[in-house]
PDB file of all heavy atoms in Angstrom:
ATOM      1  N   SER A   1      -8.751 -22.826 -10.556  1.00  0.00           N
ATOM      2  CA  SER A   1      -9.269 -21.525 -10.134  1.00  0.00           C
ATOM      3  C   SER A   1      -8.143 -20.505 -10.135  1.00  0.00           C
ATOM      4  O   SER A   1      -6.979 -20.844  -9.966  1.00  0.00           O
ATOM      5  CB  SER A   1      -9.888 -21.614  -8.739  1.00  0.00           C
ATOM      6  OG  SER A   1      -8.911 -21.937  -7.777  1.00  0.00           O
ATOM      7  N   ALA A   2      -8.529 -19.248 -10.330  1.00  0.00           N
ATOM      8  CA  ALA A   2      -7.566 -18.148 -10.310  1.00  0.00           C
ATOM      9  C   ALA A   2      -7.566 -17.542  -8.909  1.00  0.00           C
ATOM     10  O   ALA A   2      -8.610 -17.123  -8.407  1.00  0.00           O
ATOM     11  CB  ALA A   2      -7.953 -17.095 -11.341  1.00  0.00           C
ATOM     12  N   GLY A   3      -6.414 -17.514  -8.298  1.00  0.00           N
ATOM     13  CA  GLY A   3      -6.287 -16.950  -6.953  1.00  0.00           C
ATOM     14  C   GLY A   3      -6.480 -15.444  -6.923  1.00  0.00           C
ATOM     15  O   GLY A   3      -6.625 -14.859  -5.849  1.00  0.00           O
ATOM     16  N   THR A   4      -6.496 -14.820  -8.087  1.00  0.00           N
ATOM     17  CA  THR A   4      -6.615 -13.360  -8.168  1.00  0.00           C
ATOM     18  C   THR A   4      -8.071 -12.894  -8.268  1.00  0.00           C
ATOM     19  O   THR A   4      -8.332 -11.698  -8.334  1.00  0.00           O
ATOM     20  CB  THR A   4      -5.863 -12.849  -9.405  1.00  0.00           C
ATOM     21  OG1 THR A   4      -6.407 -13.501 -10.566  1.00  0.00           O
ATOM     22  CG2 THR A   4      -4.375 -13.130  -9.313  1.00  0.00           C
ATOM     23  N   SER A   5      -9.003 -13.826  -8.284  1.00  0.00           N
ATOM     24  CA  SER A   5     -10.403 -13.497  -8.534  1.00  0.00           C
ATOM     25  C   SER A   5     -10.975 -12.491  -7.539  1.00  0.00           C
ATOM     26  O   SER A   5     -11.574 -11.482  -7.935  1.00  0.00           O
ATOM     27  CB  SER A   5     -11.240 -14.780  -8.514  1.00  0.00           C
ATOM     28  OG  SER A   5     -12.597 -14.494  -8.642  1.00  0.00           O
ATOM     29  N   LEU A   6     -10.803 -12.728  -6.249  1.00  0.00           N
ATOM     30  CA  LEU A   6     -11.370 -11.827  -5.240  1.00  0.00           C
ATOM     31  C   LEU A   6     -10.772 -10.433  -5.348  1.00  0.00           C
ATOM     32  O   LEU A   6     -11.497  -9.434  -5.368  1.00  0.00           O
ATOM     33  CB  LEU A   6     -11.164 -12.393  -3.837  1.00  0.00           C
ATOM     34  CG  LEU A   6     -11.676 -11.510  -2.694  1.00  0.00           C
ATOM     35  CD1 LEU A   6     -13.163 -11.238  -2.824  1.00  0.00           C
ATOM     36  CD2 LEU A   6     -11.356 -12.146  -1.351  1.00  0.00           C
ATOM     37  N   GLN A   7      -9.456 -10.345  -5.451  1.00  0.00           N
ATOM     38  CA  GLN A   7      -8.816  -9.020  -5.522  1.00  0.00           C
ATOM     39  C   GLN A   7      -9.253  -8.272  -6.775  1.00  0.00           C
ATOM     40  O   GLN A   7      -9.486  -7.063  -6.741  1.00  0.00           O
ATOM     41  CB  GLN A   7      -7.288  -9.153  -5.481  1.00  0.00           C
ATOM     42  CG  GLN A   7      -6.575  -7.815  -5.386  1.00  0.00           C
ATOM     43  CD  GLN A   7      -6.986  -7.013  -4.163  1.00  0.00           C
ATOM     44  OE1 GLN A   7      -6.913  -7.504  -3.043  1.00  0.00           O
ATOM     45  NE2 GLN A   7      -7.417  -5.774  -4.361  1.00  0.00           N
ATOM     46  N   LYS A   8      -9.394  -8.971  -7.892  1.00  0.00           N
ATOM     47  CA  LYS A   8      -9.826  -8.317  -9.135  1.00  0.00           C
ATOM     48  C   LYS A   8     -11.240  -7.777  -8.987  1.00  0.00           C
ATOM     49  O   LYS A   8     -11.543  -6.665  -9.425  1.00  0.00           O
ATOM     50  CB  LYS A   8      -9.742  -9.306 -10.306  1.00  0.00           C
ATOM     51  CG  LYS A   8     -10.020  -8.675 -11.632  1.00  0.00           C
ATOM     52  CD  LYS A   8      -9.003  -7.573 -11.934  1.00  0.00           C
ATOM     53  CE  LYS A   8      -9.255  -6.953 -13.271  1.00  0.00           C
ATOM     54  NZ  LYS A   8      -8.424  -5.778 -13.528  1.00  0.00           N
ATOM     55  N   MET A   9     -12.126  -8.535  -8.351  1.00  0.00           N
ATOM     56  CA  MET A   9     -13.498  -8.061  -8.136  1.00  0.00           C
ATOM     57  C   MET A   9     -13.528  -6.875  -7.187  1.00  0.00           C
ATOM     58  O   MET A   9     -14.298  -5.934  -7.382  1.00  0.00           O
ATOM     59  CB  MET A   9     -14.386  -9.197  -7.600  1.00  0.00           C
ATOM     60  CG  MET A   9     -14.652 -10.282  -8.624  1.00  0.00           C
ATOM     61  SD  MET A   9     -15.278  -9.679 -10.213  1.00  0.00           S
ATOM     62  CE  MET A   9     -16.737  -8.815  -9.706  1.00  0.00           C
ATOM     63  N   LEU A  10     -12.680  -6.899  -6.173  1.00  0.00           N
ATOM     64  CA  LEU A  10     -12.592  -5.743  -5.265  1.00  0.00           C
ATOM     65  C   LEU A  10     -12.117  -4.513  -6.036  1.00  0.00           C
ATOM     66  O   LEU A  10     -12.667  -3.422  -5.883  1.00  0.00           O
ATOM     67  CB  LEU A  10     -11.642  -6.042  -4.101  1.00  0.00           C
ATOM     68  CG  LEU A  10     -12.144  -7.060  -3.072  1.00  0.00           C
ATOM     69  CD1 LEU A  10     -11.019  -7.485  -2.147  1.00  0.00           C
ATOM     70  CD2 LEU A  10     -13.311  -6.503  -2.279  1.00  0.00           C
ATOM     71  N   ASP A  11     -11.111  -4.684  -6.897  1.00  0.00           N
ATOM     72  CA  ASP A  11     -10.587  -3.563  -7.697  1.00  0.00           C
ATOM     73  C   ASP A  11     -11.641  -3.015  -8.657  1.00  0.00           C
ATOM     74  O   ASP A  11     -11.749  -1.807  -8.838  1.00  0.00           O
ATOM     75  CB  ASP A  11      -9.360  -4.001  -8.506  1.00  0.00           C
ATOM     76  CG  ASP A  11      -8.162  -4.332  -7.635  1.00  0.00           C
ATOM     77  OD1 ASP A  11      -8.163  -3.981  -6.437  1.00  0.00           O
ATOM     78  OD2 ASP A  11      -7.226  -4.974  -8.158  1.00  0.00           O
ATOM     79  N   GLU A  12     -12.407  -3.891  -9.286  1.00  0.00           N
ATOM     80  CA  GLU A  12     -13.362  -3.485 -10.313  1.00  0.00           C
ATOM     81  C   GLU A  12     -14.664  -2.919  -9.750  1.00  0.00           C
ATOM     82  O   GLU A  12     -15.242  -2.012 -10.332  1.00  0.00           O
ATOM     83  CB  GLU A  12     -13.701  -4.668 -11.234  1.00  0.00           C
ATOM     84  CG  GLU A  12     -12.557  -5.156 -12.089  1.00  0.00           C
ATOM     85  CD  GLU A  12     -12.161  -4.172 -13.175  1.00  0.00           C
ATOM     86  OE1 GLU A  12     -13.042  -3.492 -13.711  1.00  0.00           O
ATOM     87  OE2 GLU A  12     -10.954  -4.090 -13.464  1.00  0.00           O
ATOM     88  N   CYS A  13     -15.151  -3.483  -8.641  1.00  0.00           N
ATOM     89  CA  CYS A  13     -16.536  -3.200  -8.233  1.00  0.00           C
ATOM     90  C   CYS A  13     -16.741  -2.670  -6.816  1.00  0.00           C
ATOM     91  O   CYS A  13     -17.783  -2.072  -6.543  1.00  0.00           O
ATOM     92  CB  CYS A  13     -17.375  -4.463  -8.390  1.00  0.00           C
ATOM     93  SG  CYS A  13     -17.421  -5.112 -10.075  1.00  0.00           S
ATOM     94  N   GLN A  14     -15.815  -2.921  -5.915  1.00  0.00           N
ATOM     95  CA  GLN A  14     -16.029  -2.540  -4.520  1.00  0.00           C
ATOM     96  C   GLN A  14     -16.336  -1.051  -4.377  1.00  0.00           C
ATOM     97  O   GLN A  14     -15.678  -0.210  -4.985  1.00  0.00           O
ATOM     98  CB  GLN A  14     -14.788  -2.902  -3.680  1.00  0.00           C
ATOM     99  CG  GLN A  14     -14.930  -2.669  -2.201  1.00  0.00           C
ATOM    100  CD  GLN A  14     -15.768  -3.716  -1.503  1.00  0.00           C
ATOM    101  OE1 GLN A  14     -16.273  -4.653  -2.098  1.00  0.00           O
ATOM    102  NE2 GLN A  14     -15.927  -3.565  -0.206  1.00  0.00           N
ATOM    103  N   ASP A  15     -17.355  -0.724  -3.589  1.00  0.00           N
ATOM    104  CA  ASP A  15     -17.770   0.646  -3.267  1.00  0.00           C
ATOM    105  C   ASP A  15     -18.346   1.420  -4.453  1.00  0.00           C
ATOM    106  O   ASP A  15     -18.431   2.643  -4.407  1.00  0.00           O
ATOM    107  CB  ASP A  15     -16.619   1.447  -2.628  1.00  0.00           C
ATOM    108  CG  ASP A  15     -16.179   0.847  -1.306  1.00  0.00           C
ATOM    109  OD1 ASP A  15     -17.037   0.290  -0.595  1.00  0.00           O
ATOM    110  OD2 ASP A  15     -14.976   0.927  -0.979  1.00  0.00           O
ATOM    111  N   ARG A  16     -18.740   0.735  -5.507  1.00  0.00           N
ATOM    112  CA  ARG A  16     -19.421   1.380  -6.628  1.00  0.00           C
ATOM    113  C   ARG A  16     -20.888   0.981  -6.604  1.00  0.00           C
ATOM    114  O   ARG A  16     -21.248  -0.048  -6.057  1.00  0.00           O
ATOM    115  CB  ARG A  16     -18.796   0.954  -7.956  1.00  0.00           C
ATOM    116  CG  ARG A  16     -17.367   1.408  -8.086  1.00  0.00           C
ATOM    117  CD  ARG A  16     -16.789   1.034  -9.410  1.00  0.00           C
ATOM    118  NE  ARG A  16     -15.406   1.477  -9.454  1.00  0.00           N
ATOM    119  CZ  ARG A  16     -14.567   1.161 -10.393  1.00  0.00           C
ATOM    120  NH1 ARG A  16     -14.955   0.383 -11.382  1.00  0.00           N
ATOM    121  NH2 ARG A  16     -13.342   1.597 -10.366  1.00  0.00           N
ATOM    122  N   ARG A  17     -21.720   1.775  -7.229  1.00  0.00           N
ATOM    123  CA  ARG A  17     -23.148   1.439  -7.276  1.00  0.00           C
ATOM    124  C   ARG A  17     -23.412   0.353  -8.312  1.00  0.00           C
ATOM    125  O   ARG A  17     -24.307  -0.467  -8.152  1.00  0.00           O
ATOM    126  CB  ARG A  17     -23.970   2.693  -7.591  1.00  0.00           C
ATOM    127  CG  ARG A  17     -25.441   2.388  -7.564  1.00  0.00           C
ATOM    128  CD  ARG A  17     -26.288   3.536  -7.121  1.00  0.00           C
ATOM    129  NE  ARG A  17     -27.668   3.145  -7.288  1.00  0.00           N
ATOM    130  CZ  ARG A  17     -28.492   3.673  -8.170  1.00  0.00           C
ATOM    131  NH1 ARG A  17     -28.103   4.666  -8.932  1.00  0.00           N
ATOM    132  NH2 ARG A  17     -29.707   3.241  -8.273  1.00  0.00           N
ATOM    133  N   SER A  18     -22.632   0.336  -9.385  1.00  0.00           N
ATOM    134  CA  SER A  18     -22.766  -0.701 -10.397  1.00  0.00           C
ATOM    135  C   SER A  18     -21.423  -0.902 -11.081  1.00  0.00           C
ATOM    136  O   SER A  18     -20.569  -0.015 -11.071  1.00  0.00           O
ATOM    137  CB  SER A  18     -23.834  -0.333 -11.430  1.00  0.00           C
ATOM    138  OG  SER A  18     -23.426   0.781 -12.180  1.00  0.00           O
ATOM    139  N   CYS A  19     -21.247  -2.071 -11.655  1.00  0.00           N
ATOM    140  CA  CYS A  19     -20.058  -2.324 -12.464  1.00  0.00           C
ATOM    141  C   CYS A  19     -20.391  -3.419 -13.463  1.00  0.00           C
ATOM    142  O   CYS A  19     -21.225  -4.282 -13.207  1.00  0.00           O
ATOM    143  CB  CYS A  19     -18.847  -2.687 -11.615  1.00  0.00           C
ATOM    144  SG  CYS A  19     -18.851  -4.334 -10.928  1.00  0.00           S
ATOM    145  N   GLN A  20     -19.751  -3.337 -14.615  1.00  0.00           N
ATOM    146  CA  GLN A  20     -19.978  -4.309 -15.678  1.00  0.00           C
ATOM    147  C   GLN A  20     -18.675  -4.473 -16.448  1.00  0.00           C
ATOM    148  O   GLN A  20     -17.992  -3.490 -16.729  1.00  0.00           O
ATOM    149  CB  GLN A  20     -21.075  -3.814 -16.619  1.00  0.00           C
ATOM    150  CG  GLN A  20     -21.368  -4.758 -17.757  1.00  0.00           C
ATOM    151  CD  GLN A  20     -22.516  -4.271 -18.634  1.00  0.00           C
ATOM    152  OE1 GLN A  20     -23.344  -3.495 -18.213  1.00  0.00           O
ATOM    153  NE2 GLN A  20     -22.543  -4.731 -19.863  1.00  0.00           N
ATOM    154  N   PHE A  21     -18.335  -5.721 -16.779  1.00  0.00           N
ATOM    155  CA  PHE A  21     -17.149  -5.971 -17.589  1.00  0.00           C
ATOM    156  C   PHE A  21     -17.236  -7.337 -18.240  1.00  0.00           C
ATOM    157  O   PHE A  21     -18.006  -8.198 -17.817  1.00  0.00           O
ATOM    158  CB  PHE A  21     -15.856  -5.839 -16.765  1.00  0.00           C
ATOM    159  CG  PHE A  21     -15.802  -6.724 -15.565  1.00  0.00           C
ATOM    160  CD1 PHE A  21     -15.300  -8.009 -15.647  1.00  0.00           C
ATOM    161  CD2 PHE A  21     -16.256  -6.270 -14.338  1.00  0.00           C
ATOM    162  CE1 PHE A  21     -15.263  -8.823 -14.547  1.00  0.00           C
ATOM    163  CE2 PHE A  21     -16.220  -7.079 -13.226  1.00  0.00           C
ATOM    164  CZ  PHE A  21     -15.711  -8.359 -13.335  1.00  0.00           C
ATOM    165  N   LEU A  22     -16.430  -7.518 -19.272  1.00  0.00           N
ATOM    166  CA  LEU A  22     -16.373  -8.770 -20.020  1.00  0.00           C
ATOM    167  C   LEU A  22     -15.496  -9.771 -19.279  1.00  0.00           C
ATOM    168  O   LEU A  22     -14.373  -9.455 -18.895  1.00  0.00           O
ATOM    169  CB  LEU A  22     -15.809  -8.503 -21.418  1.00  0.00           C
ATOM    170  CG  LEU A  22     -15.722  -9.691 -22.366  1.00  0.00           C
ATOM    171  CD1 LEU A  22     -17.116 -10.180 -22.731  1.00  0.00           C
ATOM    172  CD2 LEU A  22     -14.963  -9.289 -23.625  1.00  0.00           C
ATOM    173  N   VAL A  23     -16.008 -10.965 -19.073  1.00  0.00           N
ATOM    174  CA  VAL A  23     -15.270 -12.011 -18.363  1.00  0.00           C
ATOM    175  C   VAL A  23     -14.398 -12.774 -19.344  1.00  0.00           C
ATOM    176  O   VAL A  23     -14.889 -13.282 -20.351  1.00  0.00           O
ATOM    177  CB  VAL A  23     -16.250 -12.984 -17.658  1.00  0.00           C
ATOM    178  CG1 VAL A  23     -15.493 -14.144 -17.023  1.00  0.00           C
ATOM    179  CG2 VAL A  23     -17.086 -12.255 -16.626  1.00  0.00           C
ATOM    180  N   ASN A  24     -13.089 -12.809 -19.055  1.00  0.00           N
ATOM    181  CA  ASN A  24     -12.160 -13.639 -19.816  1.00  0.00           C
ATOM    182  C   ASN A  24     -10.905 -13.861 -18.981  1.00  0.00           C
ATOM    183  O   ASN A  24     -10.651 -13.134 -18.022  1.00  0.00           O
ATOM    184  CB  ASN A  24     -11.826 -13.036 -21.191  1.00  0.00           C
ATOM    185  CG  ASN A  24     -11.100 -11.730 -21.099  1.00  0.00           C
ATOM    186  OD1 ASN A  24     -10.049 -11.642 -20.474  1.00  0.00           O
ATOM    187  ND2 ASN A  24     -11.663 -10.683 -21.693  1.00  0.00           N
ATOM    188  N   SER A  25     -10.142 -14.869 -19.333  1.00  0.00           N
ATOM    189  CA  SER A  25      -8.996 -15.265 -18.504  1.00  0.00           C
ATOM    190  C   SER A  25      -7.928 -14.178 -18.414  1.00  0.00           C
ATOM    191  O   SER A  25      -7.244 -14.076 -17.402  1.00  0.00           O
ATOM    192  CB  SER A  25      -8.390 -16.570 -19.008  1.00  0.00           C
ATOM    193  OG  SER A  25      -7.940 -16.423 -20.335  1.00  0.00           O
ATOM    194  N   ARG A  26      -7.783 -13.329 -19.437  1.00  0.00           N
ATOM    195  CA  ARG A  26      -6.758 -12.273 -19.381  1.00  0.00           C
ATOM    196  C   ARG A  26      -7.002 -11.303 -18.231  1.00  0.00           C
ATOM    197  O   ARG A  26      -6.069 -10.733 -17.678  1.00  0.00           O
ATOM    198  CB  ARG A  26      -6.720 -11.501 -20.703  1.00  0.00           C
ATOM    199  CG  ARG A  26      -6.178 -12.322 -21.866  1.00  0.00           C
ATOM    200  CD  ARG A  26      -6.065 -11.517 -23.145  1.00  0.00           C
ATOM    201  NE  ARG A  26      -7.317 -10.908 -23.582  1.00  0.00           N
ATOM    202  CZ  ARG A  26      -8.284 -11.540 -24.239  1.00  0.00           C
ATOM    203  NH1 ARG A  26      -8.147 -12.813 -24.535  1.00  0.00           N
ATOM    204  NH2 ARG A  26      -9.381 -10.910 -24.604  1.00  0.00           N
ATOM    205  N   LEU A  27      -8.245 -11.142 -17.851  1.00  0.00           N
ATOM    206  CA  LEU A  27      -8.618 -10.234 -16.771  1.00  0.00           C
ATOM    207  C   LEU A  27      -8.037 -10.685 -15.433  1.00  0.00           C
ATOM    208  O   LEU A  27      -7.747  -9.877 -14.562  1.00  0.00           O
ATOM    209  CB  LEU A  27     -10.148 -10.168 -16.679  1.00  0.00           C
ATOM    210  CG  LEU A  27     -10.783  -9.110 -15.812  1.00  0.00           C
ATOM    211  CD1 LEU A  27     -10.506  -7.722 -16.378  1.00  0.00           C
ATOM    212  CD2 LEU A  27     -12.282  -9.341 -15.734  1.00  0.00           C
ATOM    213  N   PHE A  28      -7.845 -11.997 -15.267  1.00  0.00           N
ATOM    214  CA  PHE A  28      -7.430 -12.552 -13.981  1.00  0.00           C
ATOM    215  C   PHE A  28      -5.968 -12.994 -13.954  1.00  0.00           C
ATOM    216  O   PHE A  28      -5.562 -13.729 -13.073  1.00  0.00           O
ATOM    217  CB  PHE A  28      -8.348 -13.720 -13.610  1.00  0.00           C
ATOM    218  CG  PHE A  28      -9.780 -13.296 -13.462  1.00  0.00           C
ATOM    219  CD1 PHE A  28     -10.677 -13.461 -14.505  1.00  0.00           C
ATOM    220  CD2 PHE A  28     -10.221 -12.693 -12.295  1.00  0.00           C
ATOM    221  CE1 PHE A  28     -11.996 -13.048 -14.378  1.00  0.00           C
ATOM    222  CE2 PHE A  28     -11.533 -12.275 -12.155  1.00  0.00           C
ATOM    223  CZ  PHE A  28     -12.423 -12.452 -13.203  1.00  0.00           C
ATOM    224  N   GLY A  29      -5.177 -12.561 -14.930  1.00  0.00           N
ATOM    225  CA  GLY A  29      -3.759 -12.908 -14.955  1.00  0.00           C
ATOM    226  C   GLY A  29      -3.512 -14.177 -15.739  1.00  0.00           C
ATOM    227  O   GLY A  29      -4.174 -14.450 -16.730  1.00  0.00           O
ATOM    228  N   ALA A  30      -2.570 -14.992 -15.257  1.00  0.00           N
ATOM    229  CA  ALA A  30      -2.216 -16.239 -15.938  1.00  0.00           C
ATOM    230  C   ALA A  30      -3.425 -17.178 -15.961  1.00  0.00           C
ATOM    231  O   ALA A  30      -4.120 -17.335 -14.958  1.00  0.00           O
ATOM    232  CB  ALA A  30      -1.042 -16.904 -15.232  1.00  0.00           C
ATOM    233  N   ASP A  31      -3.676 -17.789 -17.107  1.00  0.00           N
ATOM    234  CA  ASP A  31      -4.804 -18.701 -17.274  1.00  0.00           C
ATOM    235  C   ASP A  31      -4.583 -19.934 -16.395  1.00  0.00           C
ATOM    236  O   ASP A  31      -3.604 -20.657 -16.564  1.00  0.00           O
ATOM    237  CB  ASP A  31      -4.925 -19.115 -18.742  1.00  0.00           C
ATOM    238  CG  ASP A  31      -6.222 -19.831 -19.059  1.00  0.00           C
ATOM    239  OD1 ASP A  31      -6.813 -20.430 -18.132  1.00  0.00           O
ATOM    240  OD2 ASP A  31      -6.638 -19.801 -20.227  1.00  0.00           O
ATOM    241  N   PRO A  32      -5.481 -20.193 -15.427  1.00  0.00           N
ATOM    242  CA  PRO A  32      -5.282 -21.316 -14.508  1.00  0.00           C
ATOM    243  C   PRO A  32      -5.449 -22.688 -15.165  1.00  0.00           C
ATOM    244  O   PRO A  32      -4.941 -23.681 -14.646  1.00  0.00           O
ATOM    245  CB  PRO A  32      -6.344 -21.098 -13.434  1.00  0.00           C
ATOM    246  CG  PRO A  32      -7.404 -20.297 -14.097  1.00  0.00           C
ATOM    247  CD  PRO A  32      -6.700 -19.438 -15.122  1.00  0.00           C
ATOM    248  N   CYS A  33      -6.151 -22.763 -16.304  1.00  0.00           N
ATOM    249  CA  CYS A  33      -6.335 -24.040 -16.988  1.00  0.00           C
ATOM    250  C   CYS A  33      -6.583 -23.785 -18.472  1.00  0.00           C
ATOM    251  O   CYS A  33      -7.730 -23.752 -18.915  1.00  0.00           O
ATOM    252  CB  CYS A  33      -7.454 -24.864 -16.369  1.00  0.00           C
ATOM    253  SG  CYS A  33      -8.966 -23.958 -16.013  1.00  0.00           S
ATOM    254  N   PRO A  34      -5.502 -23.586 -19.238  1.00  0.00           N
ATOM    255  CA  PRO A  34      -5.650 -23.315 -20.668  1.00  0.00           C
ATOM    256  C   PRO A  34      -6.445 -24.415 -21.369  1.00  0.00           C
ATOM    257  O   PRO A  34      -6.303 -25.590 -21.042  1.00  0.00           O
ATOM    258  CB  PRO A  34      -4.204 -23.276 -21.178  1.00  0.00           C
ATOM    259  CG  PRO A  34      -3.376 -23.006 -19.977  1.00  0.00           C
ATOM    260  CD  PRO A  34      -4.104 -23.623 -18.818  1.00  0.00           C
ATOM    261  N   GLY A  35      -7.308 -24.008 -22.264  1.00  0.00           N
ATOM    262  CA  GLY A  35      -8.098 -24.961 -23.022  1.00  0.00           C
ATOM    263  C   GLY A  35      -9.413 -25.342 -22.361  1.00  0.00           C
ATOM    264  O   GLY A  35     -10.236 -26.008 -22.966  1.00  0.00           O
ATOM    265  N   THR A  36      -9.604 -24.935 -21.121  1.00  0.00           N
ATOM    266  CA  THR A  36     -10.851 -25.226 -20.406  1.00  0.00           C
ATOM    267  C   THR A  36     -11.662 -23.939 -20.297  1.00  0.00           C
ATOM    268  O   THR A  36     -11.123 -22.908 -19.890  1.00  0.00           O
ATOM    269  CB  THR A  36     -10.557 -25.777 -18.984  1.00  0.00           C
ATOM    270  OG1 THR A  36      -9.870 -27.015 -19.110  1.00  0.00           O
ATOM    271  CG2 THR A  36     -11.818 -25.975 -18.186  1.00  0.00           C
TER     272      THR A  36
END
């Protein structure tokens, strides 16, 4: 798991009416499990 997940979601979506983005490992920093 990526420890940055909660903070990234707060940055992207908190206090907005809607948010949409492409999910990929680069979004959350270092890949927690490459190849998976």
